[in-house]
Amino acid sequence: MYPLVSGHKLLVRDTCIRLHVSWCKRGLRHTLYIILSLQTKVDEKLDTRRAIVVVETILAHFSDRRFLVTDYYEHWKVHVVSGKEFKSQWQQFIQNARKVTDSVGRRRQDVRVRLFVCLFVCLFRA
């Protein structure tokens, strides 16, 4: 089970890293566009302010999505770690239960032998 989870974990981590890099590049391009648009004074009829607002809206949207994906990824990592901890604790519980079961079985057998010896001695004394 661990190799499968580890493989998925690596895949998810790599995907998140690629998304983060892509969003950073996109953010830089949008910021550069806004800066260049503010500096452009070629045509007075050109509505650069509207284009800037559209780019800022898109940038804010991607920023929100980036936060959401990062949040999901962090929750998923916590879920994987807690799952591993639970599995480890469960295996420890099973080992302890087997030890107790073996101990009870040995004591039960010991009691049976002692009871048999007592009965045998009592029968032959009488």
N, C-alpha and C. Protein backbone atom coordinates (compact mmCIF):
# COMPACT_ATOMS: atom_id res chain seq x y z
N MET A 1 0.82 -1.19 0.00
CA MET A 1 0.00 0.00 0.00
C MET A 1 0.86 1.26 0.00
N TYR A 2 1.98 1.25 0.71
CA TYR A 2 2.80 2.45 0.78
C TYR A 2 3.34 2.89 -0.58
N PRO A 3 3.83 1.95 -1.46
CA PRO A 3 4.33 2.43 -2.75
C PRO A 3 3.25 3.14 -3.56
N LEU A 4 2.01 2.65 -3.51
CA LEU A 4 0.93 3.28 -4.25
C LEU A 4 0.67 4.68 -3.71
N VAL A 5 0.59 4.81 -2.39
CA VAL A 5 0.36 6.13 -1.78
C VAL A 5 1.54 7.04 -2.07
N SER A 6 2.76 6.52 -1.96
CA SER A 6 3.94 7.34 -2.23
C SER A 6 3.96 7.80 -3.67
N GLY A 7 3.59 6.91 -4.60
CA GLY A 7 3.55 7.28 -6.01
C GLY A 7 2.52 8.37 -6.26
N HIS A 8 1.35 8.22 -5.67
CA HIS A 8 0.31 9.24 -5.82
C HIS A 8 0.74 10.54 -5.17
N LYS A 9 1.40 10.42 -4.03
CA LYS A 9 1.84 11.62 -3.33
C LYS A 9 2.84 12.40 -4.18
N LEU A 10 3.76 11.67 -4.82
CA LEU A 10 4.73 12.33 -5.69
C LEU A 10 4.04 12.98 -6.89
N LEU A 11 3.07 12.28 -7.45
CA LEU A 11 2.34 12.82 -8.60
C LEU A 11 1.58 14.09 -8.22
N VAL A 12 0.90 14.05 -7.09
CA VAL A 12 0.15 15.23 -6.64
C VAL A 12 1.09 16.38 -6.32
N ARG A 13 2.20 16.07 -5.65
CA ARG A 13 3.17 17.11 -5.30
C ARG A 13 3.75 17.75 -6.56
N ASP A 14 4.13 16.92 -7.55
CA ASP A 14 4.69 17.45 -8.79
C ASP A 14 3.67 18.31 -9.54
N THR A 15 2.42 17.85 -9.55
CA THR A 15 1.37 18.62 -10.21
C THR A 15 1.18 19.97 -9.53
N CYS A 16 1.17 19.98 -8.21
CA CYS A 16 1.02 21.24 -7.47
C CYS A 16 2.19 22.18 -7.73
N ILE A 17 3.38 21.63 -7.81
CA ILE A 17 4.55 22.47 -8.09
C ILE A 17 4.44 23.07 -9.49
N ARG A 18 4.04 22.24 -10.48
CA ARG A 18 3.88 22.77 -11.83
C ARG A 18 2.80 23.85 -11.89
N LEU A 19 1.69 23.63 -11.17
CA LEU A 19 0.64 24.65 -11.14
C LEU A 19 1.14 25.95 -10.52
N HIS A 20 1.90 25.82 -9.44
CA HIS A 20 2.44 27.00 -8.76
C HIS A 20 3.36 27.78 -9.70
N VAL A 21 4.24 27.08 -10.40
CA VAL A 21 5.16 27.73 -11.33
C VAL A 21 4.37 28.41 -12.46
N SER A 22 3.37 27.69 -12.97
CA SER A 22 2.55 28.26 -14.04
C SER A 22 1.83 29.51 -13.58
N TRP A 23 1.26 29.48 -12.37
CA TRP A 23 0.56 30.64 -11.84
C TRP A 23 1.51 31.81 -11.59
N CYS A 24 2.71 31.51 -11.14
CA CYS A 24 3.69 32.58 -10.93
C CYS A 24 4.06 33.25 -12.26
N LYS A 25 4.29 32.42 -13.29
CA LYS A 25 4.60 32.98 -14.61
C LYS A 25 3.44 33.82 -15.13
N ARG A 26 2.23 33.29 -14.97
CA ARG A 26 1.04 34.01 -15.44
C ARG A 26 0.89 35.33 -14.68
N GLY A 27 1.13 35.30 -13.39
CA GLY A 27 1.04 36.52 -12.58
C GLY A 27 2.06 37.56 -13.02
N LEU A 28 3.28 37.09 -13.31
CA LEU A 28 4.31 38.03 -13.77
C LEU A 28 3.95 38.64 -15.12
N ARG A 29 3.42 37.80 -16.03
CA ARG A 29 3.00 38.32 -17.34
C ARG A 29 1.88 39.34 -17.21
N HIS A 30 0.92 39.04 -16.34
CA HIS A 30 -0.19 39.98 -16.14
C HIS A 30 0.30 41.29 -15.53
N THR A 31 1.18 41.19 -14.56
CA THR A 31 1.73 42.40 -13.93
C THR A 31 2.52 43.22 -14.95
N LEU A 32 3.32 42.53 -15.76
CA LEU A 32 4.08 43.23 -16.80
C LEU A 32 3.14 43.90 -17.80
N TYR A 33 2.06 43.22 -18.16
CA TYR A 33 1.08 43.80 -19.08
C TYR A 33 0.46 45.07 -18.48
N ILE A 34 0.13 45.00 -17.22
CA ILE A 34 -0.47 46.16 -16.56
C ILE A 34 0.51 47.33 -16.54
N ILE A 35 1.75 47.05 -16.20
CA ILE A 35 2.77 48.12 -16.15
C ILE A 35 2.95 48.74 -17.53
N LEU A 36 3.07 47.90 -18.55
CA LEU A 36 3.25 48.41 -19.90
C LEU A 36 2.01 49.17 -20.37
N SER A 37 0.83 48.70 -19.99
CA SER A 37 -0.40 49.38 -20.39
C SER A 37 -0.49 50.77 -19.75
N LEU A 38 -0.04 50.88 -18.52
CA LEU A 38 -0.08 52.18 -17.85
C LEU A 38 0.90 53.17 -18.48
N GLN A 39 1.98 52.64 -19.04
CA GLN A 39 2.98 53.50 -19.63
C GLN A 39 2.64 53.88 -21.08
N THR A 40 1.70 53.15 -21.69
CA THR A 40 1.36 53.40 -23.08
C THR A 40 0.49 54.64 -23.20
N LYS A 41 0.92 55.57 -24.02
CA LYS A 41 0.16 56.79 -24.27
C LYS A 41 0.07 57.04 -25.77
N VAL A 42 0.01 55.97 -26.55
CA VAL A 42 0.02 56.08 -28.00
C VAL A 42 -1.28 56.69 -28.52
N ASP A 43 -2.38 56.16 -28.08
CA ASP A 43 -3.67 56.61 -28.61
C ASP A 43 -4.56 56.98 -27.44
N GLU A 44 -5.07 58.19 -27.44
CA GLU A 44 -5.93 58.65 -26.36
C GLU A 44 -7.27 57.93 -26.36
N LYS A 45 -7.70 57.45 -27.52
CA LYS A 45 -8.98 56.74 -27.61
C LYS A 45 -8.87 55.29 -27.15
N LEU A 46 -7.66 54.81 -27.01
CA LEU A 46 -7.44 53.43 -26.57
C LEU A 46 -7.81 53.30 -25.09
N ASP A 47 -8.72 52.38 -24.79
CA ASP A 47 -9.21 52.23 -23.42
C ASP A 47 -8.33 51.22 -22.67
N THR A 48 -7.18 51.68 -22.24
CA THR A 48 -6.26 50.78 -21.52
C THR A 48 -6.74 50.49 -20.10
N ARG A 49 -7.46 51.42 -19.52
CA ARG A 49 -7.92 51.22 -18.14
C ARG A 49 -8.85 50.01 -18.05
N ARG A 50 -9.73 49.85 -19.02
CA ARG A 50 -10.65 48.71 -19.03
C ARG A 50 -9.88 47.40 -19.19
N ALA A 51 -8.90 47.40 -20.08
CA ALA A 51 -8.08 46.19 -20.27
C ALA A 51 -7.32 45.85 -18.99
N ILE A 52 -6.85 46.87 -18.30
CA ILE A 52 -6.13 46.66 -17.04
C ILE A 52 -7.07 46.05 -15.99
N VAL A 53 -8.29 46.55 -15.93
CA VAL A 53 -9.25 46.01 -14.96
C VAL A 53 -9.56 44.55 -15.27
N VAL A 54 -9.71 44.22 -16.55
CA VAL A 54 -9.98 42.83 -16.93
C VAL A 54 -8.81 41.93 -16.53
N VAL A 55 -7.60 42.38 -16.80
CA VAL A 55 -6.41 41.58 -16.44
C VAL A 55 -6.31 41.45 -14.92
N GLU A 56 -6.58 42.52 -14.19
CA GLU A 56 -6.54 42.44 -12.72
C GLU A 56 -7.60 41.48 -12.19
N THR A 57 -8.77 41.46 -12.81
CA THR A 57 -9.83 40.53 -12.41
C THR A 57 -9.40 39.09 -12.65
N ILE A 58 -8.83 38.85 -13.82
CA ILE A 58 -8.34 37.49 -14.13
C ILE A 58 -7.25 37.10 -13.15
N LEU A 59 -6.36 38.01 -12.87
CA LEU A 59 -5.26 37.75 -11.93
C LEU A 59 -5.81 37.43 -10.54
N ALA A 60 -6.82 38.17 -10.09
CA ALA A 60 -7.42 37.89 -8.78
C ALA A 60 -8.10 36.52 -8.78
N HIS A 61 -8.76 36.18 -9.88
CA HIS A 61 -9.42 34.88 -9.99
C HIS A 61 -8.40 33.74 -9.88
N PHE A 62 -7.29 33.87 -10.61
CA PHE A 62 -6.27 32.82 -10.54
C PHE A 62 -5.60 32.78 -9.18
N SER A 63 -5.49 33.91 -8.54
CA SER A 63 -4.92 33.94 -7.20
C SER A 63 -5.82 33.18 -6.22
N ASP A 64 -7.15 33.39 -6.35
CA ASP A 64 -8.09 32.65 -5.50
C ASP A 64 -8.02 31.15 -5.77
N ARG A 65 -7.93 30.78 -7.03
CA ARG A 65 -7.84 29.35 -7.38
C ARG A 65 -6.54 28.75 -6.86
N ARG A 66 -5.47 29.53 -6.94
CA ARG A 66 -4.18 29.06 -6.44
C ARG A 66 -4.27 28.79 -4.93
N PHE A 67 -4.89 29.69 -4.21
CA PHE A 67 -5.07 29.50 -2.77
C PHE A 67 -5.90 28.25 -2.50
N LEU A 68 -6.97 28.05 -3.28
CA LEU A 68 -7.84 26.89 -3.09
C LEU A 68 -7.09 25.59 -3.34
N VAL A 69 -6.34 25.52 -4.44
CA VAL A 69 -5.59 24.30 -4.76
C VAL A 69 -4.52 24.05 -3.71
N THR A 70 -3.84 25.10 -3.28
CA THR A 70 -2.81 24.94 -2.24
C THR A 70 -3.43 24.45 -0.94
N ASP A 71 -4.59 24.97 -0.61
CA ASP A 71 -5.30 24.54 0.60
C ASP A 71 -5.70 23.07 0.50
N TYR A 72 -6.25 22.67 -0.65
CA TYR A 72 -6.60 21.25 -0.85
C TYR A 72 -5.37 20.36 -0.73
N TYR A 73 -4.26 20.81 -1.31
CA TYR A 73 -3.03 20.01 -1.27
C TYR A 73 -2.54 19.85 0.17
N GLU A 74 -2.56 20.92 0.94
CA GLU A 74 -2.13 20.85 2.34
C GLU A 74 -3.04 19.91 3.14
N HIS A 75 -4.35 20.01 2.93
CA HIS A 75 -5.28 19.11 3.62
C HIS A 75 -5.04 17.65 3.21
N TRP A 76 -4.74 17.44 1.95
CA TRP A 76 -4.48 16.09 1.47
C TRP A 76 -3.21 15.52 2.11
N LYS A 77 -2.16 16.36 2.23
CA LYS A 77 -0.93 15.90 2.88
C LYS A 77 -1.19 15.51 4.33
N VAL A 78 -1.98 16.32 5.03
CA VAL A 78 -2.32 16.01 6.42
C VAL A 78 -3.11 14.70 6.47
N HIS A 79 -4.02 14.49 5.53
CA HIS A 79 -4.81 13.26 5.48
C HIS A 79 -3.91 12.04 5.27
N VAL A 80 -2.94 12.15 4.38
CA VAL A 80 -2.03 11.03 4.11
C VAL A 80 -1.20 10.71 5.35
N VAL A 81 -0.69 11.74 5.99
CA VAL A 81 0.14 11.54 7.20
C VAL A 81 -0.69 10.92 8.31
N SER A 82 -1.91 11.43 8.51
CA SER A 82 -2.75 10.87 9.57
C SER A 82 -3.15 9.44 9.24
N GLY A 83 -3.33 9.12 7.96
CA GLY A 83 -3.64 7.75 7.56
C GLY A 83 -2.48 6.81 7.87
N LYS A 84 -1.26 7.27 7.60
CA LYS A 84 -0.08 6.45 7.92
C LYS A 84 0.05 6.25 9.43
N GLU A 85 -0.19 7.31 10.19
CA GLU A 85 -0.12 7.19 11.65
C GLU A 85 -1.18 6.22 12.16
N PHE A 86 -2.39 6.31 11.61
CA PHE A 86 -3.45 5.39 12.03
C PHE A 86 -3.08 3.96 11.70
N LYS A 87 -2.54 3.73 10.51
CA LYS A 87 -2.15 2.37 10.13
C LYS A 87 -1.07 1.84 11.06
N SER A 88 -0.10 2.68 11.40
CA SER A 88 0.96 2.27 12.32
C SER A 88 0.38 1.94 13.70
N GLN A 89 -0.51 2.79 14.20
CA GLN A 89 -1.14 2.52 15.50
C GLN A 89 -2.00 1.26 15.44
N TRP A 90 -2.69 1.05 14.34
CA TRP A 90 -3.53 -0.14 14.19
C TRP A 90 -2.67 -1.40 14.20
N GLN A 91 -1.55 -1.38 13.48
CA GLN A 91 -0.65 -2.53 13.47
C GLN A 91 -0.09 -2.80 14.87
N GLN A 92 0.24 -1.76 15.61
CA GLN A 92 0.71 -1.92 16.98
C GLN A 92 -0.39 -2.53 17.85
N PHE A 93 -1.63 -2.08 17.68
CA PHE A 93 -2.75 -2.63 18.41
C PHE A 93 -2.93 -4.11 18.11
N ILE A 94 -2.83 -4.48 16.83
CA ILE A 94 -2.98 -5.89 16.44
C ILE A 94 -1.86 -6.73 17.07
N GLN A 95 -0.63 -6.23 17.06
CA GLN A 95 0.47 -6.97 17.68
C GLN A 95 0.22 -7.16 19.17
N ASN A 96 -0.21 -6.11 19.85
CA ASN A 96 -0.51 -6.22 21.28
C ASN A 96 -1.66 -7.19 21.53
N ALA A 97 -2.68 -7.16 20.69
CA ALA A 97 -3.81 -8.07 20.85
C ALA A 97 -3.37 -9.52 20.66
N ARG A 98 -2.49 -9.77 19.69
CA ARG A 98 -1.97 -11.13 19.48
C ARG A 98 -1.16 -11.61 20.69
N LYS A 99 -0.36 -10.70 21.25
CA LYS A 99 0.41 -11.07 22.44
C LYS A 99 -0.52 -11.44 23.59
N VAL A 100 -1.56 -10.64 23.79
CA VAL A 100 -2.52 -10.93 24.87
C VAL A 100 -3.24 -12.24 24.61
N THR A 101 -3.65 -12.47 23.36
CA THR A 101 -4.34 -13.71 23.02
C THR A 101 -3.45 -14.92 23.25
N ASP A 102 -2.18 -14.81 22.85
CA ASP A 102 -1.24 -15.91 23.07
C ASP A 102 -1.03 -16.16 24.56
N SER A 103 -0.90 -15.08 25.32
CA SER A 103 -0.70 -15.20 26.77
C SER A 103 -1.91 -15.87 27.42
N VAL A 104 -3.10 -15.44 27.05
CA VAL A 104 -4.31 -16.04 27.62
C VAL A 104 -4.41 -17.50 27.22
N GLY A 105 -4.06 -17.82 25.98
CA GLY A 105 -4.09 -19.22 25.53
C GLY A 105 -3.13 -20.09 26.32
N ARG A 106 -1.91 -19.57 26.57
CA ARG A 106 -0.94 -20.34 27.36
C ARG A 106 -1.43 -20.53 28.78
N ARG A 107 -1.99 -19.48 29.38
CA ARG A 107 -2.50 -19.61 30.75
C ARG A 107 -3.68 -20.55 30.81
N ARG A 108 -4.54 -20.51 29.81
CA ARG A 108 -5.69 -21.41 29.78
C ARG A 108 -5.21 -22.87 29.69
N GLN A 109 -4.21 -23.09 28.85
CA GLN A 109 -3.66 -24.45 28.73
C GLN A 109 -3.02 -24.87 30.05
N ASP A 110 -2.31 -23.94 30.71
CA ASP A 110 -1.67 -24.23 31.99
C ASP A 110 -2.73 -24.59 33.04
N VAL A 111 -3.83 -23.85 33.05
CA VAL A 111 -4.92 -24.14 34.00
C VAL A 111 -5.52 -25.50 33.70
N ARG A 112 -5.69 -25.85 32.45
CA ARG A 112 -6.25 -27.15 32.09
C ARG A 112 -5.35 -28.29 32.56
N VAL A 113 -4.04 -28.10 32.37
CA VAL A 113 -3.10 -29.15 32.81
C VAL A 113 -3.16 -29.30 34.32
N ARG A 114 -3.15 -28.18 35.03
CA ARG A 114 -3.20 -28.24 36.50
C ARG A 114 -4.51 -28.88 36.98
N LEU A 115 -5.61 -28.52 36.34
CA LEU A 115 -6.91 -29.09 36.71
C LEU A 115 -6.91 -30.59 36.45
N PHE A 116 -6.36 -31.01 35.32
CA PHE A 116 -6.29 -32.43 35.00
C PHE A 116 -5.44 -33.17 36.03
N VAL A 117 -4.30 -32.57 36.41
CA VAL A 117 -3.43 -33.21 37.41
C VAL A 117 -4.16 -33.32 38.75
N CYS A 118 -4.87 -32.27 39.15
CA CYS A 118 -5.60 -32.28 40.41
C CYS A 118 -6.68 -33.36 40.38
N LEU A 119 -7.44 -33.46 39.31
CA LEU A 119 -8.47 -34.46 39.18
C LEU A 119 -7.89 -35.88 39.19
N PHE A 120 -6.76 -36.04 38.48
CA PHE A 120 -6.11 -37.33 38.43
C PHE A 120 -5.64 -37.78 39.80
N VAL A 121 -5.04 -36.83 40.54
CA VAL A 121 -4.56 -37.14 41.89
C VAL A 121 -5.73 -37.43 42.80
N CYS A 122 -6.81 -36.66 42.72
CA CYS A 122 -7.98 -36.87 43.57
C CYS A 122 -8.64 -38.24 43.28
N LEU A 123 -8.69 -38.66 42.05
CA LEU A 123 -9.32 -39.93 41.68
C LEU A 123 -8.52 -41.12 42.20
N PHE A 124 -7.21 -41.03 42.13
CA PHE A 124 -6.40 -42.16 42.57
C PHE A 124 -6.20 -42.19 44.08
N ARG A 125 -6.43 -41.11 44.78
CA ARG A 125 -6.34 -41.12 46.24
C ARG A 125 -7.58 -41.77 46.85
N ALA A 126 -8.68 -41.61 46.18
CA ALA A 126 -9.92 -42.09 46.76
C ALA A 126 -10.09 -43.55 46.70
